[in-house]
């Protein structure tokens, strides 16, 4: 892929630099374009200049301490930049460093022109830009910025005629493009319905988790039977399990975790193996699986089941946490 790259700068003060810039562009395999060979006395010069810039892929602006040739009110560089901006052509600016050694004869002396020069530099600095100290530094910075910009924002460019696509292929691409736009529009319409259904589904899942409870008993190291049976809401158990199931846990590990966290008698130590009933833990996990909040990842292995949270489970938990945070901020007297 080859690119047309327009070179814009003041002329008289940057003659040496302008000789080097086309060489860099050509060595990168692209085509330098300038306004020097256009007849600026022609009645159609402005239209011709605009067309020339419009056909380019990138615009390189180089500026030192001159605003415009003598007797010219508006800088040709600024006019060219305005065209590139209107045409949405990426502008790569190289602005002389204030520390660079520069002849006084190549600097503006009138206060008004100095001000205009600084304003133009400030404008160019706001985009893709770098500063340069001398011709060598300018060429190196230009090469780096061009390569970066071509990689980050590749343009249409051009190819040889014998490498261009056939008309039939172009027509097919046009048809596919139209079809793609129609599909995007359809997806946009359907996505609204999907979001609505998902919200309803989440709301129902919250209700199920909040209204249903499960009985858990605890087996202690010092005991010989199940004790301290308590009812716990599914929502509480789900909230506790979400972080644990991020990397997967066996049924035995879930039993141990819930037995430790939900133990109603902190003076007693729960036993290591299944401090809560395995059949109850399996029932809890099966119910959460039915709600598509968790999944078993080794159903056919014959080993202890390994459970992990689903993407939907993560979304539900995220929605729950967001709702809780909003409630906290909504309380009277809450601080930011």
C-alpha atoms as a PDB file:
ATOM      1  CA  UNK A   1       0.000   0.000   0.000  1.00  0.00           C
ATOM      2  CA  UNK A   2       1.344   3.396  -1.024  1.00  0.00           C
ATOM      3  CA  UNK A   3       0.246   6.719   0.478  1.00  0.00           C
ATOM      4  CA  UNK A   4       0.220  10.262  -0.890  1.00  0.00           C
ATOM      5  CA  UNK A   5       1.751  12.521   1.752  1.00  0.00           C
ATOM      6  CA  UNK A   6       1.362  16.278   1.407  1.00  0.00           C
ATOM      7  CA  UNK A   7       4.231  18.456   2.640  1.00  0.00           C
ATOM      8  CA  UNK A   8       3.197  21.865   3.944  1.00  0.00           C
ATOM      9  CA  UNK A   9       5.600  24.511   5.241  1.00  0.00           C
ATOM     10  CA  UNK A  10       6.824  28.029   4.738  1.00  0.00           C
ATOM     11  CA  UNK A  11       9.209  28.082   1.785  1.00  0.00           C
ATOM     12  CA  UNK A  12      11.992  30.640   2.083  1.00  0.00           C
ATOM     13  CA  UNK A  13      13.185  29.745   5.584  1.00  0.00           C
ATOM     14  CA  UNK A  14      12.972  25.933   5.189  1.00  0.00           C
ATOM     15  CA  UNK A  15      14.533  25.310   1.757  1.00  0.00           C
ATOM     16  CA  UNK A  16      17.153  22.862   3.027  1.00  0.00           C
ATOM     17  CA  UNK A  17      14.690  20.966   5.223  1.00  0.00           C
ATOM     18  CA  UNK A  18      12.139  20.665   2.402  1.00  0.00           C
ATOM     19  CA  UNK A  19      14.742  18.942   0.225  1.00  0.00           C
ATOM     20  CA  UNK A  20      15.176  16.201   2.824  1.00  0.00           C
ATOM     21  CA  UNK A  21      11.527  15.533   3.635  1.00  0.00           C
ATOM     22  CA  UNK A  22      10.541  14.068   0.199  1.00  0.00           C
ATOM     23  CA  UNK A  23      13.569  11.771   0.384  1.00  0.00           C
ATOM     24  CA  UNK A  24      12.398  10.347   3.726  1.00  0.00           C
ATOM     25  CA  UNK A  25       8.870   9.819   2.395  1.00  0.00           C
ATOM     26  CA  UNK A  26      10.136   8.066  -0.753  1.00  0.00           C
ATOM     27  CA  UNK A  27      12.494   5.848   1.247  1.00  0.00           C
ATOM     28  CA  UNK A  28       9.454   4.698   3.242  1.00  0.00           C
ATOM     29  CA  UNK A  29       7.850   3.684  -0.060  1.00  0.00           C
ATOM     30  CA  UNK A  30       5.320   6.514  -0.310  1.00  0.00           C
ATOM     31  CA  UNK A  31       4.710   9.513  -2.565  1.00  0.00           C
ATOM     32  CA  UNK A  32       5.526  13.112  -1.502  1.00  0.00           C
ATOM     33  CA  UNK A  33       3.165  15.846  -2.716  1.00  0.00           C
ATOM     34  CA  UNK A  34       3.745  19.633  -2.513  1.00  0.00           C
ATOM     35  CA  UNK A  35       2.045  22.800  -3.735  1.00  0.00           C
ATOM     36  CA  UNK A  36       5.286  24.219  -5.156  1.00  0.00           C
ATOM     37  CA  UNK A  37       4.535  23.105  -8.701  1.00  0.00           C
ATOM     38  CA  UNK A  38       0.987  24.457  -8.765  1.00  0.00           C
ATOM     39  CA  UNK A  39       0.479  27.803 -10.487  1.00  0.00           C
ATOM     40  CA  UNK A  40      -0.586  30.078  -7.623  1.00  0.00           C
ATOM     41  CA  UNK A  41      -1.497  32.809 -10.102  1.00  0.00           C
ATOM     42  CA  UNK A  42      -4.139  30.627 -11.696  1.00  0.00           C
ATOM     43  CA  UNK A  43      -7.773  31.611 -11.195  1.00  0.00           C
ATOM     44  CA  UNK A  44      -8.574  28.052 -10.083  1.00  0.00           C
ATOM     45  CA  UNK A  45      -5.572  27.729  -7.766  1.00  0.00           C
ATOM     46  CA  UNK A  46      -7.623  27.397  -4.552  1.00  0.00           C
ATOM     47  CA  UNK A  47      -9.779  24.614  -6.007  1.00  0.00           C
ATOM     48  CA  UNK A  48      -6.732  22.840  -7.425  1.00  0.00           C
ATOM     49  CA  UNK A  49      -4.911  23.048  -4.076  1.00  0.00           C
ATOM     50  CA  UNK A  50      -7.949  21.706  -2.220  1.00  0.00           C
ATOM     51  CA  UNK A  51      -8.306  18.808  -4.674  1.00  0.00           C
ATOM     52  CA  UNK A  52      -4.580  18.011  -4.373  1.00  0.00           C
ATOM     53  CA  UNK A  53      -4.724  17.881  -0.556  1.00  0.00           C
ATOM     54  CA  UNK A  54      -8.034  15.996  -0.588  1.00  0.00           C
ATOM     55  CA  UNK A  55      -6.409  13.213  -2.629  1.00  0.00           C
ATOM     56  CA  UNK A  56      -3.619  12.806  -0.053  1.00  0.00           C
ATOM     57  CA  UNK A  57      -3.680  10.362   2.852  1.00  0.00           C
ATOM     58  CA  UNK A  58      -1.535  12.271   5.346  1.00  0.00           C
ATOM     59  CA  UNK A  59      -0.460  15.883   5.796  1.00  0.00           C
ATOM     60  CA  UNK A  60       2.999  16.849   7.131  1.00  0.00           C
ATOM     61  CA  UNK A  61       3.254  20.391   8.523  1.00  0.00           C
ATOM     62  CA  UNK A  62       6.735  21.812   9.201  1.00  0.00           C
ATOM     63  CA  UNK A  63       7.215  25.195  10.847  1.00  0.00           C
ATOM     64  CA  UNK A  64      10.111  27.253  12.187  1.00  0.00           C
ATOM     65  CA  UNK A  65       9.945  30.980  13.011  1.00  0.00           C
ATOM     66  CA  UNK A  66       8.320  32.356   9.861  1.00  0.00           C
ATOM     67  CA  UNK A  67       4.571  32.838   9.415  1.00  0.00           C
ATOM     68  CA  UNK A  68       4.269  33.785   5.757  1.00  0.00           C
ATOM     69  CA  UNK A  69       6.250  35.208   2.832  1.00  0.00           C
ATOM     70  CA  UNK A  70       6.604  38.974   2.783  1.00  0.00           C
ATOM     71  CA  UNK A  71       3.405  40.753   1.808  1.00  0.00           C
ATOM     72  CA  UNK A  72       1.186  37.715   2.416  1.00  0.00           C
ATOM     73  CA  UNK A  73      -1.418  38.171   5.160  1.00  0.00           C
ATOM     74  CA  UNK A  74      -2.428  34.548   5.732  1.00  0.00           C
ATOM     75  CA  UNK A  75       0.202  31.821   5.980  1.00  0.00           C
ATOM     76  CA  UNK A  76      -0.037  29.326   3.089  1.00  0.00           C
ATOM     77  CA  UNK A  77       0.762  26.601   5.648  1.00  0.00           C
ATOM     78  CA  UNK A  78      -2.209  27.633   7.783  1.00  0.00           C
ATOM     79  CA  UNK A  79      -4.490  27.669   4.736  1.00  0.00           C
ATOM     80  CA  UNK A  80      -3.304  24.190   3.743  1.00  0.00           C
ATOM     81  CA  UNK A  81      -3.784  22.916   7.313  1.00  0.00           C
ATOM     82  CA  UNK A  82      -7.344  24.282   7.267  1.00  0.00           C
ATOM     83  CA  UNK A  83      -8.078  22.279   4.128  1.00  0.00           C
ATOM     84  CA  UNK A  84      -6.574  19.093   5.635  1.00  0.00           C
ATOM     85  CA  UNK A  85      -8.621  19.620   8.803  1.00  0.00           C
ATOM     86  CA  UNK A  86     -11.857  20.035   6.836  1.00  0.00           C
ATOM     87  CA  UNK A  87     -11.097  16.914   4.808  1.00  0.00           C
ATOM     88  CA  UNK A  88     -10.304  14.962   8.025  1.00  0.00           C
ATOM     89  CA  UNK A  89      -6.771  14.173   6.828  1.00  0.00           C
ATOM     90  CA  UNK A  90      -4.376  13.335   9.713  1.00  0.00           C
ATOM     91  CA  UNK A  91      -1.936  16.222  10.260  1.00  0.00           C
ATOM     92  CA  UNK A  92       1.564  15.347  11.475  1.00  0.00           C
ATOM     93  CA  UNK A  93       3.282  18.498  12.749  1.00  0.00           C
ATOM     94  CA  UNK A  94       6.996  19.126  13.246  1.00  0.00           C
ATOM     95  CA  UNK A  95       7.642  22.361  15.127  1.00  0.00           C
ATOM     96  CA  UNK A  96      11.074  23.855  15.631  1.00  0.00           C
ATOM     97  CA  UNK A  97      12.358  23.611  19.183  1.00  0.00           C
ATOM     98  CA  UNK A  98      12.801  26.926  20.956  1.00  0.00           C
ATOM     99  CA  UNK A  99      16.356  25.823  21.818  1.00  0.00           C
ATOM    100  CA  UNK A 100      17.289  25.268  18.172  1.00  0.00           C
ATOM    101  CA  UNK A 101      19.941  27.548  16.669  1.00  0.00           C
ATOM    102  CA  UNK A 102      18.316  29.679  13.987  1.00  0.00           C
ATOM    103  CA  UNK A 103      19.349  32.697  11.959  1.00  0.00           C
ATOM    104  CA  UNK A 104      17.739  35.970  12.997  1.00  0.00           C
ATOM    105  CA  UNK A 105      17.089  36.775   9.321  1.00  0.00           C
ATOM    106  CA  UNK A 106      14.776  33.757   9.139  1.00  0.00           C
ATOM    107  CA  UNK A 107      12.586  34.924  12.018  1.00  0.00           C
ATOM    108  CA  UNK A 108       9.533  37.192  12.026  1.00  0.00           C
ATOM    109  CA  UNK A 109      10.246  40.630  13.453  1.00  0.00           C
ATOM    110  CA  UNK A 110       6.818  42.263  13.443  1.00  0.00           C
ATOM    111  CA  UNK A 111       4.958  41.704  16.704  1.00  0.00           C
ATOM    112  CA  UNK A 112       1.707  40.808  14.937  1.00  0.00           C
ATOM    113  CA  UNK A 113       3.403  38.183  12.752  1.00  0.00           C
ATOM    114  CA  UNK A 114       5.331  36.745  15.709  1.00  0.00           C
ATOM    115  CA  UNK A 115       2.018  36.371  17.539  1.00  0.00           C
ATOM    116  CA  UNK A 116       0.394  34.657  14.549  1.00  0.00           C
ATOM    117  CA  UNK A 117       3.379  32.292  14.273  1.00  0.00           C
ATOM    118  CA  UNK A 118       3.093  31.314  17.943  1.00  0.00           C
ATOM    119  CA  UNK A 119      -0.663  30.804  17.636  1.00  0.00           C
ATOM    120  CA  UNK A 120      -0.160  28.500  14.635  1.00  0.00           C
ATOM    121  CA  UNK A 121       2.513  26.547  16.518  1.00  0.00           C
ATOM    122  CA  UNK A 122       0.195  26.166  19.497  1.00  0.00           C
ATOM    123  CA  UNK A 123      -2.531  24.849  17.236  1.00  0.00           C
ATOM    124  CA  UNK A 124      -0.184  22.348  15.595  1.00  0.00           C
ATOM    125  CA  UNK A 125       1.129  21.235  19.002  1.00  0.00           C
ATOM    126  CA  UNK A 126      -2.405  20.169  19.975  1.00  0.00           C
ATOM    127  CA  UNK A 127      -2.375  17.347  17.416  1.00  0.00           C
ATOM    128  CA  UNK A 128       0.141  14.673  16.417  1.00  0.00           C
ATOM    129  CA  UNK A 129       3.401  16.567  16.800  1.00  0.00           C
ATOM    130  CA  UNK A 130       7.025  16.715  17.874  1.00  0.00           C
ATOM    131  CA  UNK A 131       9.796  19.317  18.006  1.00  0.00           C
ATOM    132  CA  UNK A 132      13.076  19.335  16.061  1.00  0.00           C
ATOM    133  CA  UNK A 133      16.502  20.937  16.535  1.00  0.00           C
ATOM    134  CA  UNK A 134      18.110  20.539  13.095  1.00  0.00           C
ATOM    135  CA  UNK A 135      17.616  18.851   9.711  1.00  0.00           C
ATOM    136  CA  UNK A 136      18.852  15.468  10.915  1.00  0.00           C
ATOM    137  CA  UNK A 137      16.594  15.569  13.956  1.00  0.00           C
ATOM    138  CA  UNK A 138      13.681  16.670  11.754  1.00  0.00           C
ATOM    139  CA  UNK A 139      14.121  13.698   9.402  1.00  0.00           C
ATOM    140  CA  UNK A 140      14.336  11.206  12.267  1.00  0.00           C
ATOM    141  CA  UNK A 141      11.246  12.608  13.995  1.00  0.00           C
ATOM    142  CA  UNK A 142       9.316  12.696  10.713  1.00  0.00           C
ATOM    143  CA  UNK A 143      10.123   9.058   9.959  1.00  0.00           C
ATOM    144  CA  UNK A 144       9.081   7.944  13.457  1.00  0.00           C
ATOM    145  CA  UNK A 145       5.809   9.887  13.455  1.00  0.00           C
ATOM    146  CA  UNK A 146       4.865   8.747   9.956  1.00  0.00           C
ATOM    147  CA  UNK A 147       5.440   5.068  10.734  1.00  0.00           C
ATOM    148  CA  UNK A 148       3.490   5.353  13.987  1.00  0.00           C
ATOM    149  CA  UNK A 149       0.575   7.146  12.363  1.00  0.00           C
ATOM    150  CA  UNK A 150       0.391   4.736   9.423  1.00  0.00           C
ATOM    151  CA  UNK A 151       0.265   1.831  11.881  1.00  0.00           C
ATOM    152  CA  UNK A 152      -2.285   3.489  14.185  1.00  0.00           C
ATOM    153  CA  UNK A 153      -4.517   5.022  11.514  1.00  0.00           C
ATOM    154  CA  UNK A 154      -4.043   3.318   8.136  1.00  0.00           C
ATOM    155  CA  UNK A 155      -5.714   5.166   5.262  1.00  0.00           C
ATOM    156  CA  UNK A 156      -7.121   4.075   1.901  1.00  0.00           C
ATOM    157  CA  UNK A 157      -3.908   4.694  -0.057  1.00  0.00           C
ATOM    158  CA  UNK A 158      -3.657   3.291  -3.546  1.00  0.00           C
ATOM    159  CA  UNK A 159      -2.594   0.147  -5.400  1.00  0.00           C
ATOM    160  CA  UNK A 160      -1.484  -0.509  -8.974  1.00  0.00           C
ATOM    161  CA  UNK A 161      -4.287  -0.874 -11.495  1.00  0.00           C
ATOM    162  CA  UNK A 162      -3.331  -4.498 -12.186  1.00  0.00           C
ATOM    163  CA  UNK A 163      -3.736  -5.215  -8.461  1.00  0.00           C
ATOM    164  CA  UNK A 164      -7.103  -3.507  -8.081  1.00  0.00           C
ATOM    165  CA  UNK A 165     -10.231  -5.585  -7.503  1.00  0.00           C
ATOM    166  CA  UNK A 166     -12.414  -6.582 -10.431  1.00  0.00           C
ATOM    167  CA  UNK A 167     -15.756  -4.753 -10.925  1.00  0.00           C
ATOM    168  CA  UNK A 168     -17.672  -7.912  -9.992  1.00  0.00           C
ATOM    169  CA  UNK A 169     -15.795  -8.105  -6.703  1.00  0.00           C
ATOM    170  CA  UNK A 170     -16.410  -4.411  -6.050  1.00  0.00           C
ATOM    171  CA  UNK A 171     -20.143  -4.901  -6.692  1.00  0.00           C
ATOM    172  CA  UNK A 172     -20.222  -7.864  -4.331  1.00  0.00           C
ATOM    173  CA  UNK A 173     -18.418  -5.850  -1.649  1.00  0.00           C
ATOM    174  CA  UNK A 174     -20.937  -3.049  -2.112  1.00  0.00           C
ATOM    175  CA  UNK A 175     -23.817  -5.506  -1.749  1.00  0.00           C
ATOM    176  CA  UNK A 176     -22.272  -7.025   1.374  1.00  0.00           C
ATOM    177  CA  UNK A 177     -21.683  -3.572   2.820  1.00  0.00           C
ATOM    178  CA  UNK A 178     -25.357  -2.667   2.335  1.00  0.00           C
ATOM    179  CA  UNK A 179     -26.425  -5.983   3.817  1.00  0.00           C
ATOM    180  CA  UNK A 180     -24.089  -5.403   6.763  1.00  0.00           C
ATOM    181  CA  UNK A 181     -25.664  -2.015   7.486  1.00  0.00           C
ATOM    182  CA  UNK A 182     -29.145  -3.573   7.375  1.00  0.00           C
ATOM    183  CA  UNK A 183     -28.060  -6.301   9.790  1.00  0.00           C
ATOM    184  CA  UNK A 184     -26.534  -3.704  12.133  1.00  0.00           C
ATOM    185  CA  UNK A 185     -29.851  -1.847  12.167  1.00  0.00           C
ATOM    186  CA  UNK A 186     -31.757  -5.074  12.870  1.00  0.00           C
ATOM    187  CA  UNK A 187     -29.350  -6.062  15.645  1.00  0.00           C
ATOM    188  CA  UNK A 188     -29.732  -2.611  17.202  1.00  0.00           C
ATOM    189  CA  UNK A 189     -33.517  -3.042  17.295  1.00  0.00           C
ATOM    190  CA  UNK A 190     -33.316  -6.573  18.661  1.00  0.00           C
ATOM    191  CA  UNK A 191     -30.628  -5.690  21.213  1.00  0.00           C
ATOM    192  CA  UNK A 192     -33.101  -3.402  22.985  1.00  0.00           C
ATOM    193  CA  UNK A 193     -35.527  -6.315  23.362  1.00  0.00           C
ATOM    194  CA  UNK A 194     -32.694  -8.580  24.543  1.00  0.00           C
ATOM    195  CA  UNK A 195     -31.642  -6.075  27.220  1.00  0.00           C
ATOM    196  CA  UNK A 196     -35.252  -5.794  28.414  1.00  0.00           C
ATOM    197  CA  UNK A 197     -35.614  -9.602  28.624  1.00  0.00           C
ATOM    198  CA  UNK A 198     -32.258  -9.894  30.422  1.00  0.00           C
ATOM    199  CA  UNK A 199     -33.268  -7.303  32.998  1.00  0.00           C
ATOM    200  CA  UNK A 200     -36.548  -9.121  33.620  1.00  0.00           C
ATOM    201  CA  UNK A 201     -34.683 -12.411  33.931  1.00  0.00           C
ATOM    202  CA  UNK A 202     -32.241 -10.896  36.436  1.00  0.00           C
ATOM    203  CA  UNK A 203     -35.084  -9.357  38.436  1.00  0.00           C
ATOM    204  CA  UNK A 204     -36.782 -12.759  38.682  1.00  0.00           C
ATOM    205  CA  UNK A 205     -33.506 -14.422  39.687  1.00  0.00           C
ATOM    206  CA  UNK A 206     -33.024 -11.862  42.475  1.00  0.00           C
ATOM    207  CA  UNK A 207     -36.566 -12.574  43.694  1.00  0.00           C
ATOM    208  CA  UNK A 208     -36.000 -16.334  43.713  1.00  0.00           C
ATOM    209  CA  UNK A 209     -32.715 -15.991  45.612  1.00  0.00           C
ATOM    210  CA  UNK A 210     -34.185 -13.536  48.124  1.00  0.00           C
ATOM    211  CA  UNK A 211     -37.398 -15.485  48.891  1.00  0.00           C
ATOM    212  CA  UNK A 212     -36.017 -19.016  49.142  1.00  0.00           C
ATOM    213  CA  UNK A 213     -34.106 -20.416  52.105  1.00  0.00           C
ATOM    214  CA  UNK A 214     -32.205 -23.614  52.801  1.00  0.00           C
ATOM    215  CA  UNK A 215     -31.551 -25.403  56.085  1.00  0.00           C
ATOM    216  CA  UNK A 216     -27.885 -25.925  57.007  1.00  0.00           C
ATOM    217  CA  UNK A 217     -26.599 -27.976  59.916  1.00  0.00           C
ATOM    218  CA  UNK A 218     -23.052 -27.951  61.302  1.00  0.00           C
ATOM    219  CA  UNK A 219     -20.736 -30.727  62.430  1.00  0.00           C
ATOM    220  CA  UNK A 220     -18.082 -29.700  64.961  1.00  0.00           C
ATOM    221  CA  UNK A 221     -14.696 -31.269  65.681  1.00  0.00           C
ATOM    222  CA  UNK A 222     -15.720 -31.883  69.274  1.00  0.00           C
ATOM    223  CA  UNK A 223     -19.213 -33.185  68.439  1.00  0.00           C
ATOM    224  CA  UNK A 224     -20.658 -36.485  67.291  1.00  0.00           C
ATOM    225  CA  UNK A 225     -23.746 -35.304  65.395  1.00  0.00           C
ATOM    226  CA  UNK A 226     -25.206 -32.433  63.373  1.00  0.00           C
ATOM    227  CA  UNK A 227     -25.996 -29.300  65.393  1.00  0.00           C
ATOM    228  CA  UNK A 228     -27.168 -25.691  65.169  1.00  0.00           C
ATOM    229  CA  UNK A 229     -29.486 -26.058  62.197  1.00  0.00           C
ATOM    230  CA  UNK A 230     -30.216 -22.662  60.663  1.00  0.00           C
ATOM    231  CA  UNK A 231     -32.083 -21.332  57.649  1.00  0.00           C
ATOM    232  CA  UNK A 232     -30.114 -19.154  55.230  1.00  0.00           C
ATOM    233  CA  UNK A 233     -31.353 -17.192  52.229  1.00  0.00           C
ATOM    234  CA  UNK A 234     -30.062 -18.350  48.867  1.00  0.00           C
ATOM    235  CA  UNK A 235     -29.117 -14.736  48.126  1.00  0.00           C
ATOM    236  CA  UNK A 236     -26.720 -14.657  51.077  1.00  0.00           C
ATOM    237  CA  UNK A 237     -25.126 -17.962  50.069  1.00  0.00           C
ATOM    238  CA  UNK A 238     -24.793 -16.802  46.432  1.00  0.00           C
ATOM    239  CA  UNK A 239     -23.082 -13.544  47.510  1.00  0.00           C
ATOM    240  CA  UNK A 240     -20.590 -15.501  49.610  1.00  0.00           C
ATOM    241  CA  UNK A 241     -19.814 -18.024  46.874  1.00  0.00           C
ATOM    242  CA  UNK A 242     -19.258 -15.658  43.908  1.00  0.00           C
ATOM    243  CA  UNK A 243     -15.633 -14.688  44.780  1.00  0.00           C
ATOM    244  CA  UNK A 244     -14.822 -18.285  45.789  1.00  0.00           C
ATOM    245  CA  UNK A 245     -16.078 -19.787  42.532  1.00  0.00           C
ATOM    246  CA  UNK A 246     -14.039 -17.461  40.315  1.00  0.00           C
ATOM    247  CA  UNK A 247     -11.367 -20.192  40.063  1.00  0.00           C
ATOM    248  CA  UNK A 248     -13.604 -23.193  40.793  1.00  0.00           C
ATOM    249  CA  UNK A 249     -14.219 -25.113  44.009  1.00  0.00           C
ATOM    250  CA  UNK A 250     -15.114 -28.734  44.775  1.00  0.00           C
ATOM    251  CA  UNK A 251     -18.281 -29.647  46.671  1.00  0.00           C
ATOM    252  CA  UNK A 252     -16.101 -30.529  49.691  1.00  0.00           C
ATOM    253  CA  UNK A 253     -14.345 -27.135  49.549  1.00  0.00           C
ATOM    254  CA  UNK A 254     -17.684 -25.317  49.302  1.00  0.00           C
ATOM    255  CA  UNK A 255     -18.980 -27.265  52.321  1.00  0.00           C
ATOM    256  CA  UNK A 256     -15.858 -26.329  54.301  1.00  0.00           C
ATOM    257  CA  UNK A 257     -16.093 -22.672  53.267  1.00  0.00           C
ATOM    258  CA  UNK A 258     -19.797 -22.288  54.111  1.00  0.00           C
ATOM    259  CA  UNK A 259     -19.356 -24.231  57.354  1.00  0.00           C
ATOM    260  CA  UNK A 260     -16.597 -21.848  58.435  1.00  0.00           C
ATOM    261  CA  UNK A 261     -18.245 -18.584  57.325  1.00  0.00           C
ATOM    262  CA  UNK A 262     -21.819 -19.376  58.434  1.00  0.00           C
ATOM    263  CA  UNK A 263     -20.920 -21.165  61.671  1.00  0.00           C
ATOM    264  CA  UNK A 264     -23.411 -19.748  64.229  1.00  0.00           C
ATOM    265  CA  UNK A 265     -21.296 -20.831  67.212  1.00  0.00           C
ATOM    266  CA  UNK A 266     -17.871 -19.222  66.953  1.00  0.00           C
ATOM    267  CA  UNK A 267     -16.764 -20.888  70.182  1.00  0.00           C
ATOM    268  CA  UNK A 268     -16.804 -24.243  68.399  1.00  0.00           C
ATOM    269  CA  UNK A 269     -14.505 -25.293  65.562  1.00  0.00           C
ATOM    270  CA  UNK A 270     -16.203 -27.034  62.635  1.00  0.00           C
ATOM    271  CA  UNK A 271     -14.684 -30.285  61.449  1.00  0.00           C
ATOM    272  CA  UNK A 272     -12.409 -30.280  58.395  1.00  0.00           C
ATOM    273  CA  UNK A 273     -14.336 -32.696  56.132  1.00  0.00           C
ATOM    274  CA  UNK A 274     -17.879 -31.713  55.222  1.00  0.00           C
ATOM    275  CA  UNK A 275     -18.814 -29.544  58.220  1.00  0.00           C
ATOM    276  CA  UNK A 276     -22.119 -28.979  56.375  1.00  0.00           C
ATOM    277  CA  UNK A 277     -24.075 -31.894  54.818  1.00  0.00           C
ATOM    278  CA  UNK A 278     -22.827 -32.874  51.357  1.00  0.00           C
ATOM    279  CA  UNK A 279     -26.354 -33.606  50.102  1.00  0.00           C
ATOM    280  CA  UNK A 280     -27.477 -30.082  51.133  1.00  0.00           C
ATOM    281  CA  UNK A 281     -24.475 -28.473  49.449  1.00  0.00           C
ATOM    282  CA  UNK A 282     -25.173 -30.447  46.252  1.00  0.00           C
ATOM    283  CA  UNK A 283     -28.822 -29.330  46.396  1.00  0.00           C
ATOM    284  CA  UNK A 284     -27.742 -25.670  46.754  1.00  0.00           C
ATOM    285  CA  UNK A 285     -25.356 -25.949  43.824  1.00  0.00           C
ATOM    286  CA  UNK A 286     -27.948 -27.745  41.681  1.00  0.00           C
ATOM    287  CA  UNK A 287     -30.477 -24.976  42.395  1.00  0.00           C
ATOM    288  CA  UNK A 288     -27.935 -22.266  41.503  1.00  0.00           C
ATOM    289  CA  UNK A 289     -27.058 -24.232  38.370  1.00  0.00           C
ATOM    290  CA  UNK A 290     -30.741 -24.363  37.408  1.00  0.00           C
ATOM    291  CA  UNK A 291     -30.746 -20.556  37.607  1.00  0.00           C
ATOM    292  CA  UNK A 292     -27.673 -20.600  35.312  1.00  0.00           C
ATOM    293  CA  UNK A 293     -25.557 -18.859  37.970  1.00  0.00           C
ATOM    294  CA  UNK A 294     -22.999 -21.676  38.392  1.00  0.00           C
ATOM    295  CA  UNK A 295     -21.921 -24.703  36.377  1.00  0.00           C
ATOM    296  CA  UNK A 296     -20.276 -28.044  37.089  1.00  0.00           C
ATOM    297  CA  UNK A 297     -17.107 -28.390  35.013  1.00  0.00           C
ATOM    298  CA  UNK A 298     -16.310 -32.101  35.498  1.00  0.00           C
ATOM    299  CA  UNK A 299     -19.612 -33.953  35.358  1.00  0.00           C
ATOM    300  CA  UNK A 300     -18.171 -37.118  33.805  1.00  0.00           C
ATOM    301  CA  UNK A 301     -14.899 -37.384  35.750  1.00  0.00           C
ATOM    302  CA  UNK A 302     -16.288 -39.440  38.641  1.00  0.00           C
ATOM    303  CA  UNK A 303     -14.442 -37.199  41.110  1.00  0.00           C
ATOM    304  CA  UNK A 304     -15.819 -34.623  43.524  1.00  0.00           C
ATOM    305  CA  UNK A 305     -17.738 -32.031  41.450  1.00  0.00           C
ATOM    306  CA  UNK A 306     -15.968 -28.770  40.664  1.00  0.00           C
ATOM    307  CA  UNK A 307     -18.195 -25.707  40.482  1.00  0.00           C
ATOM    308  CA  UNK A 308     -17.511 -22.322  39.006  1.00  0.00           C
ATOM    309  CA  UNK A 309     -19.430 -19.097  38.494  1.00  0.00           C
ATOM    310  CA  UNK A 310     -20.918 -18.438  35.039  1.00  0.00           C
ATOM    311  CA  UNK A 311     -20.691 -15.178  33.123  1.00  0.00           C
ATOM    312  CA  UNK A 312     -24.385 -14.656  33.807  1.00  0.00           C
ATOM    313  CA  UNK A 313     -23.722 -15.258  37.492  1.00  0.00           C
ATOM    314  CA  UNK A 314     -21.021 -12.583  37.434  1.00  0.00           C
ATOM    315  CA  UNK A 315     -23.401 -10.148  35.712  1.00  0.00           C
ATOM    316  CA  UNK A 316     -26.124 -10.833  38.283  1.00  0.00           C
ATOM    317  CA  UNK A 317     -23.701 -10.313  41.168  1.00  0.00           C
ATOM    318  CA  UNK A 318     -22.394  -7.114  39.551  1.00  0.00           C
ATOM    319  CA  UNK A 319     -25.959  -5.795  39.166  1.00  0.00           C
ATOM    320  CA  UNK A 320     -26.688  -6.653  42.805  1.00  0.00           C
ATOM    321  CA  UNK A 321     -23.561  -4.846  44.037  1.00  0.00           C
ATOM    322  CA  UNK A 322     -24.348  -1.801  41.911  1.00  0.00           C
ATOM    323  CA  UNK A 323     -27.853  -1.676  43.360  1.00  0.00           C
ATOM    324  CA  UNK A 324     -26.467  -1.880  46.903  1.00  0.00           C
ATOM    325  CA  UNK A 325     -23.956   0.896  46.236  1.00  0.00           C
ATOM    326  CA  UNK A 326     -26.660   3.149  44.795  1.00  0.00           C
ATOM    327  CA  UNK A 327     -28.780   2.572  47.889  1.00  0.00           C
ATOM    328  CA  UNK A 328     -25.859   3.580  50.099  1.00  0.00           C
ATOM    329  CA  UNK A 329     -25.372   6.839  48.192  1.00  0.00           C
ATOM    330  CA  UNK A 330     -29.102   7.549  48.286  1.00  0.00           C
ATOM    331  CA  UNK A 331     -29.247   7.466  52.101  1.00  0.00           C
ATOM    332  CA  UNK A 332     -29.706  10.901  53.749  1.00  0.00           C
ATOM    333  CA  UNK A 333     -26.465  12.315  55.062  1.00  0.00           C
ATOM    334  CA  UNK A 334     -24.278  10.003  52.948  1.00  0.00           C
ATOM    335  CA  UNK A 335     -20.915  11.511  52.113  1.00  0.00           C
ATOM    336  CA  UNK A 336     -19.141  11.382  48.768  1.00  0.00           C
END
